[in-house]
């Protein structure tokens, strides 16, 4: 088989809310879902710890994270690419 294969790993896009730990960033992923009973669109969010080997992502950056093997107790995502750099203050 020489044809290209699509990855079975999940990818998410979110905003870095913390880069204080070594080689780890905390990413906030927001999604919009319809409320089961009332039908209103509500924003739901989840935080993920992602592995950042080189420490290249900082607070405010929008990045893509990919599912991986467990790296630590809470870390099983890897920061893969920068989508949007944080705006300079």
C-alpha atoms as a PDB file:
ATOM      1  CA  UNK A   1       0.000   0.000   0.000  1.00  0.00           C
ATOM      2  CA  UNK A   2       1.651   3.191  -1.158  1.00  0.00           C
ATOM      3  CA  UNK A   3      -1.332   5.555  -1.212  1.00  0.00           C
ATOM      4  CA  UNK A   4      -1.565   8.283   1.456  1.00  0.00           C
ATOM      5  CA  UNK A   5      -3.513   7.356   4.571  1.00  0.00           C
ATOM      6  CA  UNK A   6      -5.565   9.751   6.648  1.00  0.00           C
ATOM      7  CA  UNK A   7      -4.744   9.901  10.344  1.00  0.00           C
ATOM      8  CA  UNK A   8      -7.202   8.260  12.725  1.00  0.00           C
ATOM      9  CA  UNK A   9      -6.126  10.591  15.542  1.00  0.00           C
ATOM     10  CA  UNK A  10      -8.502  13.356  16.594  1.00  0.00           C
ATOM     11  CA  UNK A  11      -7.435  16.980  16.176  1.00  0.00           C
ATOM     12  CA  UNK A  12      -8.860  19.999  17.960  1.00  0.00           C
ATOM     13  CA  UNK A  13      -8.239  23.731  17.664  1.00  0.00           C
ATOM     14  CA  UNK A  14      -8.164  25.895  20.774  1.00  0.00           C
ATOM     15  CA  UNK A  15      -6.598  28.812  22.588  1.00  0.00           C
ATOM     16  CA  UNK A  16      -3.579  28.491  24.896  1.00  0.00           C
ATOM     17  CA  UNK A  17      -4.636  29.717  28.359  1.00  0.00           C
ATOM     18  CA  UNK A  18      -1.496  28.706  30.284  1.00  0.00           C
ATOM     19  CA  UNK A  19       2.142  28.065  29.340  1.00  0.00           C
ATOM     20  CA  UNK A  20       3.621  28.160  32.840  1.00  0.00           C
ATOM     21  CA  UNK A  21       4.699  24.518  32.998  1.00  0.00           C
ATOM     22  CA  UNK A  22       7.762  23.127  31.259  1.00  0.00           C
ATOM     23  CA  UNK A  23       6.917  21.406  27.944  1.00  0.00           C
ATOM     24  CA  UNK A  24       3.163  21.680  28.633  1.00  0.00           C
ATOM     25  CA  UNK A  25       0.458  24.095  27.496  1.00  0.00           C
ATOM     26  CA  UNK A  26      -3.155  24.219  28.660  1.00  0.00           C
ATOM     27  CA  UNK A  27      -5.534  24.599  25.719  1.00  0.00           C
ATOM     28  CA  UNK A  28      -9.154  25.765  26.003  1.00  0.00           C
ATOM     29  CA  UNK A  29     -11.341  24.247  23.279  1.00  0.00           C
ATOM     30  CA  UNK A  30     -14.801  25.782  22.844  1.00  0.00           C
ATOM     31  CA  UNK A  31     -17.622  24.189  20.909  1.00  0.00           C
ATOM     32  CA  UNK A  32     -21.165  25.336  20.225  1.00  0.00           C
ATOM     33  CA  UNK A  33     -23.954  22.806  20.782  1.00  0.00           C
ATOM     34  CA  UNK A  34     -27.716  22.938  20.783  1.00  0.00           C
ATOM     35  CA  UNK A  35     -29.295  22.611  24.235  1.00  0.00           C
ATOM     36  CA  UNK A  36     -31.143  19.269  24.448  1.00  0.00           C
ATOM     37  CA  UNK A  37     -34.371  20.664  25.954  1.00  0.00           C
ATOM     38  CA  UNK A  38     -34.567  24.325  24.970  1.00  0.00           C
ATOM     39  CA  UNK A  39     -32.857  24.260  21.580  1.00  0.00           C
ATOM     40  CA  UNK A  40     -30.704  27.306  22.317  1.00  0.00           C
ATOM     41  CA  UNK A  41     -27.105  27.282  21.030  1.00  0.00           C
ATOM     42  CA  UNK A  42     -24.766  27.183  24.059  1.00  0.00           C
ATOM     43  CA  UNK A  43     -20.977  27.412  24.237  1.00  0.00           C
ATOM     44  CA  UNK A  44     -19.362  24.436  25.972  1.00  0.00           C
ATOM     45  CA  UNK A  45     -15.659  24.345  26.722  1.00  0.00           C
ATOM     46  CA  UNK A  46     -13.005  21.838  27.753  1.00  0.00           C
ATOM     47  CA  UNK A  47      -9.390  22.261  28.825  1.00  0.00           C
ATOM     48  CA  UNK A  48      -6.697  19.895  27.597  1.00  0.00           C
ATOM     49  CA  UNK A  49      -3.051  19.602  28.597  1.00  0.00           C
ATOM     50  CA  UNK A  50      -0.891  19.314  25.484  1.00  0.00           C
ATOM     51  CA  UNK A  51       2.790  18.438  25.104  1.00  0.00           C
ATOM     52  CA  UNK A  52       4.906  21.305  23.747  1.00  0.00           C
ATOM     53  CA  UNK A  53       8.458  19.929  23.461  1.00  0.00           C
ATOM     54  CA  UNK A  54      10.201  23.154  22.362  1.00  0.00           C
ATOM     55  CA  UNK A  55       8.093  25.593  24.384  1.00  0.00           C
ATOM     56  CA  UNK A  56       7.119  27.479  21.225  1.00  0.00           C
ATOM     57  CA  UNK A  57       3.454  28.205  22.068  1.00  0.00           C
ATOM     58  CA  UNK A  58       2.458  30.994  24.457  1.00  0.00           C
ATOM     59  CA  UNK A  59      -0.673  32.317  26.157  1.00  0.00           C
ATOM     60  CA  UNK A  60      -3.188  33.691  23.647  1.00  0.00           C
ATOM     61  CA  UNK A  61      -1.992  31.624  20.671  1.00  0.00           C
ATOM     62  CA  UNK A  62      -4.577  29.586  18.779  1.00  0.00           C
ATOM     63  CA  UNK A  63      -3.104  26.125  18.121  1.00  0.00           C
ATOM     64  CA  UNK A  64      -4.028  22.694  16.836  1.00  0.00           C
ATOM     65  CA  UNK A  65      -3.634  19.701  19.150  1.00  0.00           C
ATOM     66  CA  UNK A  66      -3.577  16.025  18.150  1.00  0.00           C
ATOM     67  CA  UNK A  67      -4.437  12.984  20.220  1.00  0.00           C
ATOM     68  CA  UNK A  68      -1.453  10.830  21.243  1.00  0.00           C
ATOM     69  CA  UNK A  69      -0.393   8.138  23.662  1.00  0.00           C
ATOM     70  CA  UNK A  70      -0.498   9.120  27.345  1.00  0.00           C
ATOM     71  CA  UNK A  71       2.568  11.247  28.104  1.00  0.00           C
ATOM     72  CA  UNK A  72       1.733  11.819  31.790  1.00  0.00           C
ATOM     73  CA  UNK A  73      -1.249  11.435  34.125  1.00  0.00           C
ATOM     74  CA  UNK A  74      -3.206  14.284  32.516  1.00  0.00           C
ATOM     75  CA  UNK A  75      -1.393  14.757  29.189  1.00  0.00           C
ATOM     76  CA  UNK A  76      -2.437  12.759  26.114  1.00  0.00           C
ATOM     77  CA  UNK A  77      -2.455  15.490  23.455  1.00  0.00           C
ATOM     78  CA  UNK A  78       0.431  16.998  21.484  1.00  0.00           C
ATOM     79  CA  UNK A  79       0.546  20.575  20.200  1.00  0.00           C
ATOM     80  CA  UNK A  80       1.065  20.178  16.450  1.00  0.00           C
ATOM     81  CA  UNK A  81       0.855  23.575  14.746  1.00  0.00           C
ATOM     82  CA  UNK A  82       0.261  27.271  15.266  1.00  0.00           C
ATOM     83  CA  UNK A  83      -3.007  28.457  13.719  1.00  0.00           C
ATOM     84  CA  UNK A  84      -2.897  32.080  14.839  1.00  0.00           C
ATOM     85  CA  UNK A  85      -0.294  34.028  16.846  1.00  0.00           C
ATOM     86  CA  UNK A  86      -1.481  35.978  19.910  1.00  0.00           C
ATOM     87  CA  UNK A  87      -2.127  39.664  19.242  1.00  0.00           C
ATOM     88  CA  UNK A  88       0.658  41.913  20.596  1.00  0.00           C
ATOM     89  CA  UNK A  89      -0.525  44.067  23.493  1.00  0.00           C
END
